Amino acid sequence: YRYTRTFKAQRGQNGSGSDCYGAGGEDMVLRVPVGTTISDKATGQALVDLNTDGQQVMIAKGGNGGLGNIHFKSSINRSPRQCTKGEPGEEFELYLELKVLADVGLLGMPNAGKSTFIRSVSAAKPKVADYPFTTLHPNLGVVRVDAERSFVIADVPGLIEGAAEGAGLGHQFLRHLARTSLLLHLVDIAPFDESVNPVEEAKAIVNELKKYDEALYHKPRWLVLNKIDMVPDAKQVVADFVKAYGWQGRVFAISAISGVGCKELTYAIMEHLEQVRAQAQAEQEETTVHETTKSISVTE
């Protein structure tokens, strides 16, 4: 839809002699990726969230045909010359936004090792290089824990301090983390530039996340310290970082490039997602039972 912005359904046919009605125009079906949200551009009102494969929704209804002269025929008017005009169809200016469907989202500074991590734990092969903003668009990878269990992880371009004001690539890709159940905050624990403070960088990322969206900020988030194989005393470095950062949540130390700690992390993610899914299913079943109970009336 980048180059074609206007879509108009087929016009209905005119009626004809021998009491023939005009044929209706064919439906226009616009295909969009799963995860697309549609809103009215003029009002900003959300119309539909297409988050299921094969889901269909009618956005604009076609017009109604007018009445031909046959509808005015009577015993005293055998050849009427009257008719009525039809009604035009609905017309909207829409805003389409894609939010990718993923279970887990990766958050972090450029070159924190997000793309290397997703390459390590999945079959996805995003570009990896030693310069910032190598990732320019979201990458999805399927992580298979075993033959029957898997989850989808999303790697989005890195954030930097000042993203809310447009620095770097800004906030434009954070929307793709909205549907995730868990965020992994990757931090480069062993930066090549000794002037870089990993703790301050981690705080800057979280601050940018909060500026963008409070709901995303409060989403479950784990701290993942990457490049742990490049520090001499890993346990002490992790302990010092957690203390300086003031972190009280779950923390994992990994090396995305060598795979150290990655397996343990993916198993922990899978366990967390299974708990989230089980809770969601239980809440759905409870809601269904409640609605069914409300619909039952007792009569004497």
C-alpha atoms as a PDB file:
ATOM      1  CA  TYR A   1       0.000   0.000   0.000  1.00  0.00           C
ATOM      2  CA  ARG A   2       3.009   2.286  -0.218  1.00  0.00           C
ATOM      3  CA  TYR A   3       2.344   3.320  -3.820  1.00  0.00           C
ATOM      4  CA  THR A   4      -1.399   2.734  -4.243  1.00  0.00           C
ATOM      5  CA  ARG A   5      -3.352   4.711  -1.674  1.00  0.00           C
ATOM      6  CA  THR A   6      -6.862   4.889  -3.134  1.00  0.00           C
ATOM      7  CA  PHE A   7      -9.085   1.841  -3.543  1.00  0.00           C
ATOM      8  CA  LYS A   8     -12.534   1.966  -5.098  1.00  0.00           C
ATOM      9  CA  ALA A   9     -14.889  -0.998  -5.363  1.00  0.00           C
ATOM     10  CA  GLN A  10     -16.577  -1.909  -8.638  1.00  0.00           C
ATOM     11  CA  ARG A  11     -19.643   0.092  -9.576  1.00  0.00           C
ATOM     12  CA  GLY A  12     -22.967  -1.730  -9.833  1.00  0.00           C
ATOM     13  CA  GLN A  13     -24.614  -2.148 -13.241  1.00  0.00           C
ATOM     14  CA  ASN A  14     -27.648  -0.253 -14.486  1.00  0.00           C
ATOM     15  CA  GLY A  15     -30.977  -1.980 -14.824  1.00  0.00           C
ATOM     16  CA  SER A  16     -32.217  -2.928 -18.286  1.00  0.00           C
ATOM     17  CA  GLY A  17     -35.356  -3.838 -20.174  1.00  0.00           C
ATOM     18  CA  SER A  18     -37.582  -6.846 -19.533  1.00  0.00           C
ATOM     19  CA  ASP A  19     -37.691  -6.024 -15.815  1.00  0.00           C
ATOM     20  CA  CYS A  20     -33.989  -6.820 -15.317  1.00  0.00           C
ATOM     21  CA  TYR A  21     -32.276  -5.550 -12.192  1.00  0.00           C
ATOM     22  CA  GLY A  22     -28.753  -4.155 -12.412  1.00  0.00           C
ATOM     23  CA  ALA A  23     -26.080  -6.512 -11.099  1.00  0.00           C
ATOM     24  CA  GLY A  24     -24.276  -5.546  -7.890  1.00  0.00           C
ATOM     25  CA  GLY A  25     -20.589  -4.695  -8.050  1.00  0.00           C
ATOM     26  CA  GLU A  26     -18.047  -7.227  -6.848  1.00  0.00           C
ATOM     27  CA  ASP A  27     -16.658  -6.937  -3.330  1.00  0.00           C
ATOM     28  CA  MET A  28     -13.195  -5.436  -3.023  1.00  0.00           C
ATOM     29  CA  VAL A  29     -10.999  -7.454  -0.678  1.00  0.00           C
ATOM     30  CA  LEU A  30      -7.776  -5.888   0.569  1.00  0.00           C
ATOM     31  CA  ARG A  31      -5.272  -8.338   2.038  1.00  0.00           C
ATOM     32  CA  VAL A  32      -3.073  -7.249   4.924  1.00  0.00           C
ATOM     33  CA  PRO A  33      -0.568  -9.068   7.155  1.00  0.00           C
ATOM     34  CA  VAL A  34      -1.725 -10.642  10.393  1.00  0.00           C
ATOM     35  CA  GLY A  35      -1.200  -8.088  13.152  1.00  0.00           C
ATOM     36  CA  THR A  36      -2.539  -5.094  11.211  1.00  0.00           C
ATOM     37  CA  THR A  37      -4.640  -2.578  13.121  1.00  0.00           C
ATOM     38  CA  ILE A  38      -7.069  -0.357  11.219  1.00  0.00           C
ATOM     39  CA  SER A  39      -8.273   3.009  12.470  1.00  0.00           C
ATOM     40  CA  ASP A  40     -10.191   5.984  11.107  1.00  0.00           C
ATOM     41  CA  LYS A  41      -7.545   8.521  10.104  1.00  0.00           C
ATOM     42  CA  ALA A  42      -9.846  11.490  10.675  1.00  0.00           C
ATOM     43  CA  THR A  43     -10.945  10.602  14.218  1.00  0.00           C
ATOM     44  CA  GLY A  44      -8.189   8.232  15.289  1.00  0.00           C
ATOM     45  CA  GLN A  45     -10.823   5.713  16.393  1.00  0.00           C
ATOM     46  CA  ALA A  46      -9.640   2.100  16.255  1.00  0.00           C
ATOM     47  CA  LEU A  47     -11.891   0.042  13.989  1.00  0.00           C
ATOM     48  CA  VAL A  48     -10.444  -3.460  14.089  1.00  0.00           C
ATOM     49  CA  ASP A  49      -7.375  -5.435  15.102  1.00  0.00           C
ATOM     50  CA  LEU A  50      -6.676  -8.204  12.576  1.00  0.00           C
ATOM     51  CA  ASN A  51      -4.693 -10.543  14.800  1.00  0.00           C
ATOM     52  CA  THR A  52      -5.938 -13.919  13.517  1.00  0.00           C
ATOM     53  CA  ASP A  53      -5.051 -15.659  10.272  1.00  0.00           C
ATOM     54  CA  GLY A  54      -7.997 -15.614   7.850  1.00  0.00           C
ATOM     55  CA  GLN A  55      -9.918 -12.975   9.828  1.00  0.00           C
ATOM     56  CA  GLN A  56     -12.210 -10.802   7.715  1.00  0.00           C
ATOM     57  CA  VAL A  57     -14.090  -7.622   8.510  1.00  0.00           C
ATOM     58  CA  MET A  58     -16.277  -5.264   6.482  1.00  0.00           C
ATOM     59  CA  ILE A  59     -14.947  -1.728   6.747  1.00  0.00           C
ATOM     60  CA  ALA A  60     -17.041   0.122   4.145  1.00  0.00           C
ATOM     61  CA  LYS A  61     -20.465  -0.912   2.908  1.00  0.00           C
ATOM     62  CA  GLY A  62     -21.442  -0.480  -0.722  1.00  0.00           C
ATOM     63  CA  GLY A  63     -24.298   1.724  -1.850  1.00  0.00           C
ATOM     64  CA  ASN A  64     -27.912   0.793  -2.577  1.00  0.00           C
ATOM     65  CA  GLY A  65     -29.401   0.750  -6.044  1.00  0.00           C
ATOM     66  CA  GLY A  66     -32.269   3.011  -6.972  1.00  0.00           C
ATOM     67  CA  LEU A  67     -35.764   1.965  -8.004  1.00  0.00           C
ATOM     68  CA  GLY A  68     -36.514   1.545 -11.690  1.00  0.00           C
ATOM     69  CA  ASN A  69     -39.780   2.438 -13.400  1.00  0.00           C
ATOM     70  CA  ILE A  70     -41.227  -1.044 -12.836  1.00  0.00           C
ATOM     71  CA  HIS A  71     -41.690  -0.174  -9.155  1.00  0.00           C
ATOM     72  CA  PHE A  72     -44.072   2.638 -10.128  1.00  0.00           C
ATOM     73  CA  LYS A  73     -46.238   0.620 -12.476  1.00  0.00           C
ATOM     74  CA  SER A  74     -49.916   0.474 -11.520  1.00  0.00           C
ATOM     75  CA  SER A  75     -53.302  -0.243 -13.007  1.00  0.00           C
ATOM     76  CA  ILE A  76     -53.655   3.376 -14.030  1.00  0.00           C
ATOM     77  CA  ASN A  77     -50.012   3.980 -14.978  1.00  0.00           C
ATOM     78  CA  ARG A  78     -48.965   1.199 -17.322  1.00  0.00           C
ATOM     79  CA  SER A  79     -45.814   2.919 -18.613  1.00  0.00           C
ATOM     80  CA  PRO A  80     -44.345   4.941 -15.742  1.00  0.00           C
ATOM     81  CA  ARG A  81     -41.463   7.312 -16.380  1.00  0.00           C
ATOM     82  CA  GLN A  82     -40.430   7.701 -12.743  1.00  0.00           C
ATOM     83  CA  CYS A  83     -37.344   6.327 -11.017  1.00  0.00           C
ATOM     84  CA  THR A  84     -35.253   7.043  -7.941  1.00  0.00           C
ATOM     85  CA  LYS A  85     -31.514   7.447  -7.639  1.00  0.00           C
ATOM     86  CA  GLY A  86     -29.400   5.030  -5.671  1.00  0.00           C
ATOM     87  CA  GLU A  87     -27.370   5.811  -2.557  1.00  0.00           C
ATOM     88  CA  PRO A  88     -23.565   6.051  -2.642  1.00  0.00           C
ATOM     89  CA  GLY A  89     -21.417   3.622  -0.705  1.00  0.00           C
ATOM     90  CA  GLU A  90     -19.410   4.488   2.377  1.00  0.00           C
ATOM     91  CA  GLU A  91     -16.058   6.200   2.040  1.00  0.00           C
ATOM     92  CA  PHE A  92     -13.281   6.273   4.634  1.00  0.00           C
ATOM     93  CA  GLU A  93      -9.726   7.438   4.975  1.00  0.00           C
ATOM     94  CA  LEU A  94      -7.996   4.725   6.968  1.00  0.00           C
ATOM     95  CA  TYR A  95      -4.730   4.381   8.848  1.00  0.00           C
ATOM     96  CA  LEU A  96      -3.126   0.925   8.750  1.00  0.00           C
ATOM     97  CA  GLU A  97      -0.432   0.000  11.255  1.00  0.00           C
ATOM     98  CA  LEU A  98       1.396  -3.312  11.494  1.00  0.00           C
ATOM     99  CA  LYS A  99       2.320  -4.688  14.899  1.00  0.00           C
ATOM    100  CA  VAL A 100       4.120  -7.978  14.464  1.00  0.00           C
ATOM    101  CA  LEU A 101       2.898 -10.999  16.416  1.00  0.00           C
ATOM    102  CA  ALA A 102       5.633 -12.246  18.712  1.00  0.00           C
ATOM    103  CA  ASP A 103       5.773 -13.798  22.167  1.00  0.00           C
ATOM    104  CA  VAL A 104       9.047 -12.165  23.193  1.00  0.00           C
ATOM    105  CA  GLY A 105      10.606  -8.833  22.237  1.00  0.00           C
ATOM    106  CA  LEU A 106      14.268  -7.813  22.375  1.00  0.00           C
ATOM    107  CA  LEU A 107      15.089  -4.385  23.746  1.00  0.00           C
ATOM    108  CA  GLY A 108      18.472  -2.714  23.932  1.00  0.00           C
ATOM    109  CA  MET A 109      21.062  -0.304  22.596  1.00  0.00           C
ATOM    110  CA  PRO A 110      22.463  -0.722  19.076  1.00  0.00           C
ATOM    111  CA  ASN A 111      25.182  -3.399  19.059  1.00  0.00           C
ATOM    112  CA  ALA A 112      23.991  -4.892  22.365  1.00  0.00           C
ATOM    113  CA  GLY A 113      23.942  -8.287  20.655  1.00  0.00           C
ATOM    114  CA  LYS A 114      20.221  -8.638  19.950  1.00  0.00           C
ATOM    115  CA  SER A 115      20.647  -9.885  16.382  1.00  0.00           C
ATOM    116  CA  THR A 116      23.457 -12.233  17.436  1.00  0.00           C
ATOM    117  CA  PHE A 117      21.201 -13.639  20.152  1.00  0.00           C
ATOM    118  CA  ILE A 118      18.283 -14.291  17.800  1.00  0.00           C
ATOM    119  CA  ARG A 119      20.663 -15.982  15.356  1.00  0.00           C
ATOM    120  CA  SER A 120      21.965 -18.141  18.195  1.00  0.00           C
ATOM    121  CA  VAL A 121      18.605 -19.426  19.441  1.00  0.00           C
ATOM    122  CA  SER A 122      16.572 -19.570  16.213  1.00  0.00           C
ATOM    123  CA  ALA A 123      16.890 -20.179  12.490  1.00  0.00           C
ATOM    124  CA  ALA A 124      16.526 -16.453  11.742  1.00  0.00           C
ATOM    125  CA  LYS A 125      19.591 -14.869  10.171  1.00  0.00           C
ATOM    126  CA  PRO A 126      19.444 -11.097  10.657  1.00  0.00           C
ATOM    127  CA  LYS A 127      22.420  -9.045   9.552  1.00  0.00           C
ATOM    128  CA  VAL A 128      25.195  -8.729  12.127  1.00  0.00           C
ATOM    129  CA  ALA A 129      28.007  -6.153  11.883  1.00  0.00           C
ATOM    130  CA  ASP A 130      30.296  -4.106  14.113  1.00  0.00           C
ATOM    131  CA  TYR A 131      28.557  -0.775  13.505  1.00  0.00           C
ATOM    132  CA  PRO A 132      25.395   0.719  15.065  1.00  0.00           C
ATOM    133  CA  PHE A 133      21.900   0.292  13.600  1.00  0.00           C
ATOM    134  CA  THR A 134      22.742  -2.825  11.596  1.00  0.00           C
ATOM    135  CA  THR A 135      19.115  -3.868  12.131  1.00  0.00           C
ATOM    136  CA  LEU A 136      16.834  -1.503  10.209  1.00  0.00           C
ATOM    137  CA  HIS A 137      13.561  -3.446  10.376  1.00  0.00           C
ATOM    138  CA  PRO A 138      12.001  -6.027  12.727  1.00  0.00           C
ATOM    139  CA  ASN A 139      13.253  -9.613  12.463  1.00  0.00           C
ATOM    140  CA  LEU A 140      11.248 -12.599  13.698  1.00  0.00           C
ATOM    141  CA  GLY A 141      12.698 -15.929  14.755  1.00  0.00           C
ATOM    142  CA  VAL A 142      11.030 -19.137  15.928  1.00  0.00           C
ATOM    143  CA  VAL A 143      12.779 -20.638  18.950  1.00  0.00           C
ATOM    144  CA  ARG A 144      12.136 -24.384  19.261  1.00  0.00           C
ATOM    145  CA  VAL A 145      12.715 -25.623  22.800  1.00  0.00           C
ATOM    146  CA  ASP A 146      11.835 -29.183  21.792  1.00  0.00           C
ATOM    147  CA  ALA A 147       9.817 -31.012  19.133  1.00  0.00           C
ATOM    148  CA  GLU A 148       6.475 -29.749  20.460  1.00  0.00           C
ATOM    149  CA  ARG A 149       7.186 -26.410  22.138  1.00  0.00           C
ATOM    150  CA  SER A 150       8.284 -23.159  20.540  1.00  0.00           C
ATOM    151  CA  PHE A 151       7.849 -19.407  20.707  1.00  0.00           C
ATOM    152  CA  VAL A 152       8.380 -16.400  18.428  1.00  0.00           C
ATOM    153  CA  ILE A 153      10.941 -13.751  19.272  1.00  0.00           C
ATOM    154  CA  ALA A 154      11.160 -10.270  17.703  1.00  0.00           C
ATOM    155  CA  ASP A 155      14.352  -8.280  17.212  1.00  0.00           C
ATOM    156  CA  VAL A 156      13.749  -4.580  16.572  1.00  0.00           C
ATOM    157  CA  PRO A 157      16.275  -1.818  15.807  1.00  0.00           C
ATOM    158  CA  GLY A 158      18.121  -0.534  18.853  1.00  0.00           C
ATOM    159  CA  LEU A 159      17.181   2.493  20.916  1.00  0.00           C
ATOM    160  CA  ILE A 160      19.490   5.262  22.042  1.00  0.00           C
ATOM    161  CA  GLU A 161      19.056   8.076  24.528  1.00  0.00           C
ATOM    162  CA  GLY A 162      16.946  10.832  23.006  1.00  0.00           C
ATOM    163  CA  ALA A 163      14.905   8.498  20.808  1.00  0.00           C
ATOM    164  CA  ALA A 164      11.745  10.290  21.945  1.00  0.00           C
ATOM    165  CA  GLU A 165      13.115  13.410  20.255  1.00  0.00           C
ATOM    166  CA  GLY A 166      13.993  11.485  17.093  1.00  0.00           C
ATOM    167  CA  ALA A 167      17.591  10.492  17.842  1.00  0.00           C
ATOM    168  CA  GLY A 168      18.795   7.384  16.019  1.00  0.00           C
ATOM    169  CA  LEU A 169      15.818   5.623  14.476  1.00  0.00           C
ATOM    170  CA  GLY A 170      13.466   7.094  17.076  1.00  0.00           C
ATOM    171  CA  HIS A 171      10.573   5.136  18.541  1.00  0.00           C
ATOM    172  CA  GLN A 172       9.119   3.993  15.233  1.00  0.00           C
ATOM    173  CA  PHE A 173       9.716   0.269  15.828  1.00  0.00           C
ATOM    174  CA  LEU A 174       8.657  -0.028  19.475  1.00  0.00           C
ATOM    175  CA  ARG A 175       5.057  -0.652  18.417  1.00  0.00           C
ATOM    176  CA  HIS A 176       6.144  -4.114  17.304  1.00  0.00           C
ATOM    177  CA  LEU A 177       6.735  -5.014  20.959  1.00  0.00           C
ATOM    178  CA  ALA A 178       3.152  -4.174  21.960  1.00  0.00           C
ATOM    179  CA  ARG A 179       1.799  -7.706  21.469  1.00  0.00           C
ATOM    180  CA  THR A 180       4.616  -9.509  23.257  1.00  0.00           C
ATOM    181  CA  SER A 181       4.182 -11.224  26.618  1.00  0.00           C
ATOM    182  CA  LEU A 182       7.765 -10.651  27.721  1.00  0.00           C
ATOM    183  CA  LEU A 183      10.586  -8.198  27.010  1.00  0.00           C
ATOM    184  CA  LEU A 184      14.260  -9.133  27.171  1.00  0.00           C
ATOM    185  CA  HIS A 185      16.458  -6.119  27.911  1.00  0.00           C
ATOM    186  CA  LEU A 186      19.870  -6.983  26.477  1.00  0.00           C
ATOM    187  CA  VAL A 187      22.828  -5.068  27.857  1.00  0.00           C
ATOM    188  CA  ASP A 188      26.390  -5.188  26.566  1.00  0.00           C
ATOM    189  CA  ILE A 189      28.258  -5.896  29.793  1.00  0.00           C
ATOM    190  CA  ALA A 190      31.692  -5.590  28.152  1.00  0.00           C
ATOM    191  CA  PRO A 191      31.666  -2.600  25.763  1.00  0.00           C
ATOM    192  CA  PHE A 192      34.808  -1.989  23.698  1.00  0.00           C
ATOM    193  CA  ASP A 193      34.624   1.714  24.509  1.00  0.00           C
ATOM    194  CA  GLU A 194      35.756   1.999  28.139  1.00  0.00           C
ATOM    195  CA  SER A 195      34.017   5.357  28.474  1.00  0.00           C
ATOM    196  CA  VAL A 196      30.626   3.666  28.027  1.00  0.00           C
ATOM    197  CA  ASN A 197      28.785   2.906  31.265  1.00  0.00           C
ATOM    198  CA  PRO A 198      26.486  -0.138  30.775  1.00  0.00           C
ATOM    199  CA  VAL A 199      24.388   0.799  33.808  1.00  0.00           C
ATOM    200  CA  GLU A 200      23.679   4.306  32.492  1.00  0.00           C
ATOM    201  CA  GLU A 201      22.895   2.904  29.034  1.00  0.00           C
ATOM    202  CA  ALA A 202      20.434   0.435  30.557  1.00  0.00           C
ATOM    203  CA  LYS A 203      18.717   3.218  32.495  1.00  0.00           C
ATOM    204  CA  ALA A 204      18.517   5.354  29.341  1.00  0.00           C
ATOM    205  CA  ILE A 205      16.784   2.550  27.436  1.00  0.00           C
ATOM    206  CA  VAL A 206      14.174   2.045  30.148  1.00  0.00           C
ATOM    207  CA  ASN A 207      13.591   5.799  30.299  1.00  0.00           C
ATOM    208  CA  GLU A 208      12.945   5.911  26.547  1.00  0.00           C
ATOM    209  CA  LEU A 209      10.571   2.961  26.890  1.00  0.00           C
ATOM    210  CA  LYS A 210       8.603   4.782  29.568  1.00  0.00           C
ATOM    211  CA  LYS A 211       8.399   7.937  27.448  1.00  0.00           C
ATOM    212  CA  TYR A 212       6.998   5.936  24.557  1.00  0.00           C
ATOM    213  CA  ASP A 213       4.275   3.944  26.321  1.00  0.00           C
ATOM    214  CA  GLU A 214       3.475   3.307  29.988  1.00  0.00           C
ATOM    215  CA  ALA A 215       1.803  -0.020  29.181  1.00  0.00           C
ATOM    216  CA  LEU A 216       4.928  -1.236  27.394  1.00  0.00           C
ATOM    217  CA  TYR A 217       7.062   0.007  30.274  1.00  0.00           C
ATOM    218  CA  HIS A 218       5.056  -2.080  32.773  1.00  0.00           C
ATOM    219  CA  LYS A 219       5.167  -5.224  30.628  1.00  0.00           C
ATOM    220  CA  PRO A 220       7.146  -8.130  32.206  1.00  0.00           C
ATOM    221  CA  ARG A 221      10.826  -7.475  31.529  1.00  0.00           C
ATOM    222  CA  TRP A 222      13.933  -9.560  32.174  1.00  0.00           C
ATOM    223  CA  LEU A 223      17.487  -8.296  32.287  1.00  0.00           C
ATOM    224  CA  VAL A 224      19.924 -10.169  30.016  1.00  0.00           C
ATOM    225  CA  LEU A 225      23.604  -9.316  30.407  1.00  0.00           C
ATOM    226  CA  ASN A 226      25.374 -10.230  27.177  1.00  0.00           C
ATOM    227  CA  LYS A 227      29.067 -10.883  26.383  1.00  0.00           C
ATOM    228  CA  ILE A 228      29.592 -12.417  29.804  1.00  0.00           C
ATOM    229  CA  ASP A 229      32.448 -14.497  28.379  1.00  0.00           C
ATOM    230  CA  MET A 230      34.484 -11.308  27.932  1.00  0.00           C
ATOM    231  CA  VAL A 231      34.710 -10.338  31.611  1.00  0.00           C
ATOM    232  CA  PRO A 232      37.159 -11.937  34.080  1.00  0.00           C
ATOM    233  CA  ASP A 233      34.876 -12.493  37.096  1.00  0.00           C
ATOM    234  CA  ALA A 234      31.391 -12.988  35.665  1.00  0.00           C
ATOM    235  CA  LYS A 235      29.521 -13.512  38.945  1.00  0.00           C
ATOM    236  CA  GLN A 236      30.998 -10.410  40.525  1.00  0.00           C
ATOM    237  CA  VAL A 237      30.391  -8.285  37.425  1.00  0.00           C
ATOM    238  CA  VAL A 238      26.749  -9.384  37.342  1.00  0.00           C
ATOM    239  CA  ALA A 239      26.312  -8.698  41.059  1.00  0.00           C
ATOM    240  CA  ASP A 240      27.889  -5.244  40.759  1.00  0.00           C
ATOM    241  CA  PHE A 241      25.726  -4.365  37.755  1.00  0.00           C
ATOM    242  CA  VAL A 242      22.483  -5.468  39.418  1.00  0.00           C
ATOM    243  CA  LYS A 243      23.326  -3.468  42.546  1.00  0.00           C
ATOM    244  CA  ALA A 244      24.281  -0.315  40.633  1.00  0.00           C
ATOM    245  CA  TYR A 245      21.238  -0.601  38.392  1.00  0.00           C
ATOM    246  CA  GLY A 246      18.877  -1.277  41.289  1.00  0.00           C
ATOM    247  CA  TRP A 247      17.359  -4.238  39.476  1.00  0.00           C
ATOM    248  CA  GLN A 248      15.024  -6.557  41.396  1.00  0.00           C
ATOM    249  CA  GLY A 249      13.671  -8.743  38.606  1.00  0.00           C
ATOM    250  CA  ARG A 250      15.026 -11.827  36.875  1.00  0.00           C
ATOM    251  CA  VAL A 251      18.526 -11.565  35.459  1.00  0.00           C
ATOM    252  CA  PHE A 252      20.423 -13.842  33.078  1.00  0.00           C
ATOM    253  CA  ALA A 253      24.074 -13.766  32.052  1.00  0.00           C
ATOM    254  CA  ILE A 254      24.766 -15.042  28.529  1.00  0.00           C
ATOM    255  CA  SER A 255      27.122 -14.941  25.607  1.00  0.00           C
ATOM    256  CA  ALA A 256      25.069 -14.717  22.435  1.00  0.00           C
ATOM    257  CA  ILE A 257      28.050 -15.458  20.210  1.00  0.00           C
ATOM    258  CA  SER A 258      29.245 -18.584  22.069  1.00  0.00           C
ATOM    259  CA  GLY A 259      25.841 -19.729  23.309  1.00  0.00           C
ATOM    260  CA  VAL A 260      26.742 -19.684  27.004  1.00  0.00           C
ATOM    261  CA  GLY A 261      23.551 -19.373  29.056  1.00  0.00           C
ATOM    262  CA  CYS A 262      21.283 -19.177  25.984  1.00  0.00           C
ATOM    263  CA  LYS A 263      19.706 -22.604  26.456  1.00  0.00           C
ATOM    264  CA  GLU A 264      18.852 -21.912  30.086  1.00  0.00           C
ATOM    265  CA  LEU A 265      17.328 -18.584  29.059  1.00  0.00           C
ATOM    266  CA  THR A 266      15.136 -20.077  26.319  1.00  0.00           C
ATOM    267  CA  TYR A 267      13.830 -22.774  28.680  1.00  0.00           C
ATOM    268  CA  ALA A 268      12.982 -20.127  31.278  1.00  0.00           C
ATOM    269  CA  ILE A 269      11.168 -18.091  28.611  1.00  0.00           C
ATOM    270  CA  MET A 270       9.169 -21.133  27.507  1.00  0.00           C
ATOM    271  CA  GLU A 271       8.149 -21.877  31.091  1.00  0.00           C
ATOM    272  CA  HIS A 272       7.047 -18.268  31.595  1.00  0.00           C
ATOM    273  CA  LEU A 273       5.023 -18.233  28.363  1.00  0.00           C
ATOM    274  CA  GLU A 274       3.283 -21.495  29.251  1.00  0.00           C
ATOM    275  CA  GLN A 275       2.223 -19.981  32.560  1.00  0.00           C
ATOM    276  CA  VAL A 276       0.941 -16.858  30.785  1.00  0.00           C
ATOM    277  CA  ARG A 277      -1.000 -18.949  28.265  1.00  0.00           C
ATOM    278  CA  ALA A 278      -2.491 -21.169  30.974  1.00  0.00           C
ATOM    279  CA  GLN A 279      -3.603 -18.124  32.944  1.00  0.00           C
ATOM    280  CA  ALA A 280      -5.142 -16.522  29.843  1.00  0.00           C
ATOM    281  CA  GLN A 281      -7.007 -19.732  29.021  1.00  0.00           C
ATOM    282  CA  ALA A 282      -8.321 -20.025  32.587  1.00  0.00           C
ATOM    283  CA  GLU A 283      -9.543 -16.419  32.501  1.00  0.00           C
ATOM    284  CA  GLN A 284     -11.221 -17.026  29.136  1.00  0.00           C
ATOM    285  CA  GLU A 285     -12.988 -20.128  30.441  1.00  0.00           C
ATOM    286  CA  GLU A 286     -14.102 -18.250  33.550  1.00  0.00           C
ATOM    287  CA  THR A 287     -15.485 -15.430  31.399  1.00  0.00           C
ATOM    288  CA  THR A 288     -17.332 -17.920  29.178  1.00  0.00           C
ATOM    289  CA  VAL A 289     -18.901 -19.646  32.196  1.00  0.00           C
ATOM    290  CA  HIS A 290     -19.898 -16.281  33.676  1.00  0.00           C
ATOM    291  CA  GLU A 291     -21.541 -15.144  30.428  1.00  0.00           C
ATOM    292  CA  THR A 292     -23.342 -18.481  30.062  1.00  0.00           C
ATOM    293  CA  THR A 293     -24.642 -18.251  33.632  1.00  0.00           C
ATOM    294  CA  LYS A 294     -25.949 -14.737  33.011  1.00  0.00           C
ATOM    295  CA  SER A 295     -27.866 -15.910  29.944  1.00  0.00           C
ATOM    296  CA  ILE A 296     -29.720 -18.639  31.861  1.00  0.00           C
ATOM    297  CA  SER A 297     -33.034 -17.527  33.353  1.00  0.00           C
ATOM    298  CA  VAL A 298     -35.015 -19.549  35.888  1.00  0.00           C
ATOM    299  CA  THR A 299     -38.792 -19.580  35.513  1.00  0.00           C
ATOM    300  CA  GLU A 300     -41.471 -21.190  37.637  1.00  0.00           C
END
